[in-house]
Amino acid sequence: MPSARSAKSAPARCFFAKATQNTTFFIVESGAVTIVQGYGHEQRVIAVHGQHRFLGELNLLTGSPPFLTAVVRDPGTVIQVPVERLREVVSSDEELSTRSCARFSADARF
């Protein structure tokens, strides 16, 4: 199974887009990523995620397409985790599973 890897993020890079299949979980190590609604149109900023925040919606675990779009605002570094690896880790680590679900629930308020 593929493991996590570190990658540089360039301004305006789109990590995932509304209604497209997302197969990667992202952890922001440095820089900033905006979560936007209406990407390419009105682009309403819903949130800005910086260091040590993760990107993704509950859809990563359910297989549904995302509702929002994640776009790099400030260049930096992210850790990319294949969704299969995320599922494996979440199912085998109860504490991580609980924390991840709590974070997904908190982010769902948008």
C-alpha atoms as a PDB file:
ATOM      1  CA  MET A   1       0.000   0.000   0.000  1.00  0.00           C
ATOM      2  CA  PRO A   2       1.388   3.452  -0.878  1.00  0.00           C
ATOM      3  CA  SER A   3       2.597   5.506   2.066  1.00  0.00           C
ATOM      4  CA  ALA A   4       2.553   9.223   2.843  1.00  0.00           C
ATOM      5  CA  ARG A   5       4.924  11.581   1.074  1.00  0.00           C
ATOM      6  CA  SER A   6       5.923  15.203   1.421  1.00  0.00           C
ATOM      7  CA  ALA A   7       5.370  17.631  -1.465  1.00  0.00           C
ATOM      8  CA  LYS A   8       5.839  21.340  -2.172  1.00  0.00           C
ATOM      9  CA  SER A   9       2.690  23.365  -2.788  1.00  0.00           C
ATOM     10  CA  ALA A  10       2.665  26.203  -5.318  1.00  0.00           C
ATOM     11  CA  PRO A  11       0.263  29.176  -5.226  1.00  0.00           C
ATOM     12  CA  ALA A  12      -3.148  28.471  -6.811  1.00  0.00           C
ATOM     13  CA  ARG A  13      -2.586  24.697  -6.842  1.00  0.00           C
ATOM     14  CA  CYS A  14      -5.890  22.929  -6.394  1.00  0.00           C
ATOM     15  CA  PHE A  15      -5.675  19.943  -4.018  1.00  0.00           C
ATOM     16  CA  PHE A  16      -9.263  18.853  -4.579  1.00  0.00           C
ATOM     17  CA  ALA A  17     -12.287  20.369  -6.268  1.00  0.00           C
ATOM     18  CA  LYS A  18     -16.006  20.273  -5.666  1.00  0.00           C
ATOM     19  CA  ALA A  19     -17.729  17.258  -7.229  1.00  0.00           C
ATOM     20  CA  THR A  20     -14.486  15.533  -8.300  1.00  0.00           C
ATOM     21  CA  GLN A  21     -13.187  12.340  -6.726  1.00  0.00           C
ATOM     22  CA  ASN A  22     -10.528  13.012  -4.108  1.00  0.00           C
ATOM     23  CA  THR A  23      -8.173  10.147  -3.239  1.00  0.00           C
ATOM     24  CA  THR A  24      -5.640  12.000  -1.084  1.00  0.00           C
ATOM     25  CA  PHE A  25      -5.651  13.306   2.489  1.00  0.00           C
ATOM     26  CA  PHE A  26      -3.441  16.381   2.965  1.00  0.00           C
ATOM     27  CA  ILE A  27      -1.696  17.668   6.091  1.00  0.00           C
ATOM     28  CA  VAL A  28      -0.371  21.234   5.858  1.00  0.00           C
ATOM     29  CA  GLU A  29       3.189  21.422   7.155  1.00  0.00           C
ATOM     30  CA  SER A  30       3.780  25.020   6.070  1.00  0.00           C
ATOM     31  CA  GLY A  31       2.054  27.636   3.940  1.00  0.00           C
ATOM     32  CA  ALA A  32      -1.708  28.149   3.783  1.00  0.00           C
ATOM     33  CA  VAL A  33      -4.591  26.607   1.884  1.00  0.00           C
ATOM     34  CA  THR A  34      -8.009  28.198   1.393  1.00  0.00           C
ATOM     35  CA  ILE A  35     -11.218  26.205   1.313  1.00  0.00           C
ATOM     36  CA  VAL A  36     -13.548  27.935  -1.132  1.00  0.00           C
ATOM     37  CA  GLN A  37     -17.084  27.645  -2.358  1.00  0.00           C
ATOM     38  CA  GLY A  38     -17.723  28.592  -5.980  1.00  0.00           C
ATOM     39  CA  TYR A  39     -14.149  28.131  -7.163  1.00  0.00           C
ATOM     40  CA  GLY A  40     -13.624  29.963 -10.439  1.00  0.00           C
ATOM     41  CA  HIS A  41     -16.766  32.041  -9.879  1.00  0.00           C
ATOM     42  CA  GLU A  42     -17.532  34.010  -6.720  1.00  0.00           C
ATOM     43  CA  GLN A  43     -14.866  32.089  -4.736  1.00  0.00           C
ATOM     44  CA  ARG A  44     -16.265  32.640  -1.270  1.00  0.00           C
ATOM     45  CA  VAL A  45     -13.556  31.758   1.273  1.00  0.00           C
ATOM     46  CA  ILE A  46     -14.938  29.319   3.832  1.00  0.00           C
ATOM     47  CA  ALA A  47     -11.712  28.708   5.790  1.00  0.00           C
ATOM     48  CA  VAL A  48      -7.953  29.132   5.668  1.00  0.00           C
ATOM     49  CA  HIS A  49      -5.854  26.224   6.907  1.00  0.00           C
ATOM     50  CA  GLY A  50      -2.247  26.664   7.984  1.00  0.00           C
ATOM     51  CA  GLN A  51       0.455  24.642   9.659  1.00  0.00           C
ATOM     52  CA  HIS A  52      -0.589  21.289  11.174  1.00  0.00           C
ATOM     53  CA  ARG A  53      -4.147  21.426   9.825  1.00  0.00           C
ATOM     54  CA  PHE A  54      -5.492  18.757   7.563  1.00  0.00           C
ATOM     55  CA  LEU A  55      -7.488  19.040   4.381  1.00  0.00           C
ATOM     56  CA  GLY A  56     -10.326  16.801   3.468  1.00  0.00           C
ATOM     57  CA  GLU A  57     -13.934  16.194   4.190  1.00  0.00           C
ATOM     58  CA  LEU A  58     -15.685  13.169   5.607  1.00  0.00           C
ATOM     59  CA  ASN A  59     -16.128  12.156   1.972  1.00  0.00           C
ATOM     60  CA  LEU A  60     -12.561  10.821   2.033  1.00  0.00           C
ATOM     61  CA  LEU A  61     -13.809   7.956   4.168  1.00  0.00           C
ATOM     62  CA  THR A  62     -17.189   7.540   2.455  1.00  0.00           C
ATOM     63  CA  GLY A  63     -15.978   7.847  -1.148  1.00  0.00           C
ATOM     64  CA  SER A  64     -18.328  10.734  -1.998  1.00  0.00           C
ATOM     65  CA  PRO A  65     -16.999  13.738  -3.963  1.00  0.00           C
ATOM     66  CA  PRO A  66     -16.098  16.881  -1.972  1.00  0.00           C
ATOM     67  CA  PHE A  67     -18.523  19.785  -1.541  1.00  0.00           C
ATOM     68  CA  LEU A  68     -15.818  22.479  -1.538  1.00  0.00           C
ATOM     69  CA  THR A  69     -12.474  23.213  -3.225  1.00  0.00           C
ATOM     70  CA  ALA A  70      -9.013  23.474  -1.597  1.00  0.00           C
ATOM     71  CA  VAL A  71      -6.567  25.916  -3.222  1.00  0.00           C
ATOM     72  CA  VAL A  72      -3.052  26.910  -2.097  1.00  0.00           C
ATOM     73  CA  ARG A  73      -2.917  30.522  -0.890  1.00  0.00           C
ATOM     74  CA  ASP A  74       0.665  30.647   0.429  1.00  0.00           C
ATOM     75  CA  PRO A  75       3.272  28.193  -0.896  1.00  0.00           C
ATOM     76  CA  GLY A  76       4.632  25.621   1.506  1.00  0.00           C
ATOM     77  CA  THR A  77       4.811  21.907   2.114  1.00  0.00           C
ATOM     78  CA  VAL A  78       2.083  19.311   2.557  1.00  0.00           C
ATOM     79  CA  ILE A  79       2.083  15.653   3.473  1.00  0.00           C
ATOM     80  CA  GLN A  80       0.000  13.608   1.053  1.00  0.00           C
ATOM     81  CA  VAL A  81      -1.598  10.429   2.384  1.00  0.00           C
ATOM     82  CA  PRO A  82      -3.416   8.073  -0.022  1.00  0.00           C
ATOM     83  CA  VAL A  83      -7.012   7.562   1.128  1.00  0.00           C
ATOM     84  CA  GLU A  84      -6.487   3.786   1.350  1.00  0.00           C
ATOM     85  CA  ARG A  85      -3.688   4.362   3.879  1.00  0.00           C
ATOM     86  CA  LEU A  86      -5.853   6.834   5.810  1.00  0.00           C
ATOM     87  CA  ARG A  87      -8.656   4.263   6.048  1.00  0.00           C
ATOM     88  CA  GLU A  88      -6.198   1.614   7.240  1.00  0.00           C
ATOM     89  CA  VAL A  89      -4.736   3.847   9.939  1.00  0.00           C
ATOM     90  CA  VAL A  90      -8.130   5.154  11.123  1.00  0.00           C
ATOM     91  CA  SER A  91      -9.523   1.629  11.384  1.00  0.00           C
ATOM     92  CA  SER A  92      -6.532   0.354  13.378  1.00  0.00           C
ATOM     93  CA  ASP A  93      -5.895   3.304  15.732  1.00  0.00           C
ATOM     94  CA  GLU A  94      -8.848   4.106  18.001  1.00  0.00           C
ATOM     95  CA  GLU A  95      -7.429   7.391  19.362  1.00  0.00           C
ATOM     96  CA  LEU A  96      -6.571   8.699  15.897  1.00  0.00           C
ATOM     97  CA  SER A  97      -9.978   7.597  14.644  1.00  0.00           C
ATOM     98  CA  THR A  98     -11.732   9.503  17.430  1.00  0.00           C
ATOM     99  CA  ARG A  99      -9.669  12.658  16.858  1.00  0.00           C
ATOM    100  CA  SER A 100     -10.117  12.498  13.080  1.00  0.00           C
ATOM    101  CA  CYS A 101     -13.879  12.071  13.334  1.00  0.00           C
ATOM    102  CA  ALA A 102     -14.073  14.966  15.801  1.00  0.00           C
ATOM    103  CA  ARG A 103     -12.121  17.185  13.386  1.00  0.00           C
ATOM    104  CA  PHE A 104     -14.288  16.125  10.421  1.00  0.00           C
ATOM    105  CA  SER A 105     -17.381  16.952  12.494  1.00  0.00           C
ATOM    106  CA  ALA A 106     -15.996  20.350  13.527  1.00  0.00           C
ATOM    107  CA  ASP A 107     -15.164  21.223   9.929  1.00  0.00           C
ATOM    108  CA  ALA A 108     -18.628  20.120   8.781  1.00  0.00           C
ATOM    109  CA  ARG A 109     -20.145  23.251  10.327  1.00  0.00           C
ATOM    110  CA  PHE A 110     -19.152  25.138   7.164  1.00  0.00           C
END
